[in-house]
């Protein structure tokens, strides 16, 4: 099997899936409204910012 080059992070609230890559790029999927994207990004940003 081939390996996926990113981390798949599934948030429960909001129910969003984040794909985090070594390059620093983050892809958010599964959001129903724009506010869910902002909430998910702000939550994960505080965790990955030091790296």
N, C-alpha and C. Protein backbone atom coordinates (compact mmCIF):
# COMPACT_ATOMS: atom_id res chain seq x y z
N UNK A 1 0.83 -1.21 0.00
CA UNK A 1 0.00 0.00 0.00
C UNK A 1 0.86 1.26 0.00
N UNK A 2 0.36 2.28 -0.61
CA UNK A 2 1.08 3.55 -0.64
C UNK A 2 0.75 4.36 0.60
N UNK A 3 1.67 5.23 0.99
CA UNK A 3 1.47 6.05 2.17
C UNK A 3 0.97 7.43 1.77
N UNK A 4 0.07 7.98 2.57
CA UNK A 4 -0.43 9.33 2.35
C UNK A 4 0.56 10.30 2.97
N UNK A 5 0.98 11.36 2.25
CA UNK A 5 2.04 12.25 2.74
C UNK A 5 1.61 13.26 3.79
N UNK A 6 0.37 13.19 4.26
CA UNK A 6 -0.09 14.16 5.25
C UNK A 6 -0.74 13.50 6.44
N UNK A 7 -1.00 14.32 7.45
CA UNK A 7 -1.69 13.86 8.65
C UNK A 7 -3.17 14.10 8.47
N UNK A 8 -3.99 13.10 8.74
CA UNK A 8 -5.44 13.25 8.69
C UNK A 8 -5.92 13.46 10.12
N UNK A 9 -6.48 14.63 10.40
CA UNK A 9 -6.94 14.97 11.75
C UNK A 9 -8.44 15.21 11.69
N UNK A 10 -9.19 14.39 12.41
CA UNK A 10 -10.65 14.50 12.41
C UNK A 10 -11.10 15.18 13.69
N UNK A 11 -11.68 16.37 13.54
CA UNK A 11 -12.20 17.09 14.70
C UNK A 11 -13.65 16.66 14.93
N UNK A 12 -14.04 16.62 16.20
CA UNK A 12 -15.41 16.26 16.53
C UNK A 12 -16.31 17.48 16.58
N UNK A 13 -15.76 18.59 17.06
CA UNK A 13 -16.55 19.82 17.12
C UNK A 13 -15.67 20.99 16.73
N UNK A 14 -15.87 21.61 15.60
CA UNK A 14 -16.86 21.28 14.58
C UNK A 14 -16.45 20.01 13.84
N UNK A 15 -17.39 19.37 13.20
CA UNK A 15 -17.11 18.10 12.52
C UNK A 15 -16.44 18.41 11.18
N UNK A 16 -15.11 18.52 11.24
CA UNK A 16 -14.30 18.90 10.09
C UNK A 16 -13.09 17.97 10.04
N UNK A 17 -12.62 17.67 8.84
CA UNK A 17 -11.41 16.87 8.67
C UNK A 17 -10.32 17.80 8.14
N UNK A 18 -9.15 17.76 8.79
CA UNK A 18 -8.03 18.58 8.37
C UNK A 18 -6.93 17.67 7.82
N UNK A 19 -6.38 18.06 6.69
CA UNK A 19 -5.23 17.37 6.12
C UNK A 19 -4.04 18.30 6.32
N UNK A 20 -3.07 17.88 7.12
CA UNK A 20 -1.93 18.72 7.47
C UNK A 20 -0.69 18.11 6.83
N UNK A 21 0.01 18.91 6.02
CA UNK A 21 1.17 18.43 5.28
C UNK A 21 2.46 19.00 5.85
N UNK A 22 3.57 18.33 5.56
CA UNK A 22 4.89 18.75 6.05
C UNK A 22 5.24 20.14 5.55
N UNK A 23 4.75 20.51 4.39
CA UNK A 23 5.04 21.82 3.81
C UNK A 23 4.40 22.95 4.62
N UNK A 24 3.48 22.60 5.53
CA UNK A 24 2.79 23.60 6.32
C UNK A 24 1.40 23.91 5.81
N UNK A 25 1.06 23.35 4.68
CA UNK A 25 -0.27 23.59 4.13
C UNK A 25 -1.30 22.76 4.87
N UNK A 26 -2.48 23.36 5.05
CA UNK A 26 -3.59 22.70 5.73
C UNK A 26 -4.82 22.78 4.84
N UNK A 27 -5.47 21.64 4.63
CA UNK A 27 -6.70 21.58 3.84
C UNK A 27 -7.82 21.17 4.79
N UNK A 28 -8.89 21.96 4.82
CA UNK A 28 -10.05 21.66 5.66
C UNK A 28 -11.19 21.18 4.78
N UNK A 29 -11.80 20.06 5.15
CA UNK A 29 -12.92 19.53 4.38
C UNK A 29 -14.07 19.16 5.31
N UNK A 30 -15.25 19.14 4.76
CA UNK A 30 -16.42 18.68 5.50
C UNK A 30 -17.20 19.75 6.23
N UNK A 31 -16.78 20.99 6.12
CA UNK A 31 -17.49 22.07 6.82
C UNK A 31 -18.79 22.40 6.09
N UNK A 32 -19.81 22.70 6.85
CA UNK A 32 -21.10 23.06 6.27
C UNK A 32 -21.22 24.58 6.07
N UNK A 33 -20.64 25.33 7.00
CA UNK A 33 -20.70 26.79 6.93
C UNK A 33 -19.30 27.35 7.15
N UNK A 34 -19.10 28.58 6.75
CA UNK A 34 -17.79 29.22 6.83
C UNK A 34 -17.29 29.34 8.27
N UNK A 35 -18.18 29.55 9.22
CA UNK A 35 -17.77 29.68 10.62
C UNK A 35 -17.09 28.40 11.13
N UNK A 36 -17.51 27.25 10.65
CA UNK A 36 -16.87 26.00 11.06
C UNK A 36 -15.42 25.96 10.59
N UNK A 37 -15.15 26.50 9.42
CA UNK A 37 -13.77 26.56 8.92
C UNK A 37 -12.93 27.45 9.81
N UNK A 38 -13.44 28.63 10.15
CA UNK A 38 -12.70 29.55 11.00
C UNK A 38 -12.44 28.95 12.37
N UNK A 39 -13.44 28.31 12.95
CA UNK A 39 -13.29 27.70 14.27
C UNK A 39 -12.26 26.58 14.24
N UNK A 40 -12.34 25.72 13.25
CA UNK A 40 -11.40 24.60 13.14
C UNK A 40 -9.97 25.10 12.93
N UNK A 41 -9.80 26.08 12.06
CA UNK A 41 -8.46 26.59 11.80
C UNK A 41 -7.86 27.25 13.03
N UNK A 42 -8.64 28.07 13.72
CA UNK A 42 -8.13 28.73 14.92
C UNK A 42 -7.78 27.72 16.00
N UNK A 43 -8.53 26.64 16.10
CA UNK A 43 -8.24 25.60 17.08
C UNK A 43 -6.94 24.87 16.75
N UNK A 44 -6.76 24.49 15.52
CA UNK A 44 -5.57 23.72 15.14
C UNK A 44 -4.33 24.61 15.03
N UNK A 45 -4.52 25.88 14.70
CA UNK A 45 -3.38 26.79 14.53
C UNK A 45 -2.60 26.94 15.83
N UNK A 46 -3.30 27.02 16.95
CA UNK A 46 -2.60 27.16 18.24
C UNK A 46 -1.77 25.92 18.55
N UNK A 47 -2.19 24.76 18.04
CA UNK A 47 -1.44 23.52 18.30
C UNK A 47 -0.23 23.37 17.38
N UNK A 48 -0.34 23.79 16.13
CA UNK A 48 0.76 23.58 15.18
C UNK A 48 1.66 24.80 14.99
N UNK A 49 1.29 25.92 15.54
CA UNK A 49 2.09 27.15 15.37
C UNK A 49 3.53 27.01 15.86
N UNK A 50 3.79 26.36 17.00
CA UNK A 50 5.19 26.24 17.44
C UNK A 50 6.07 25.44 16.49
N UNK A 51 5.49 24.61 15.64
CA UNK A 51 6.27 23.77 14.75
C UNK A 51 6.50 24.47 13.44
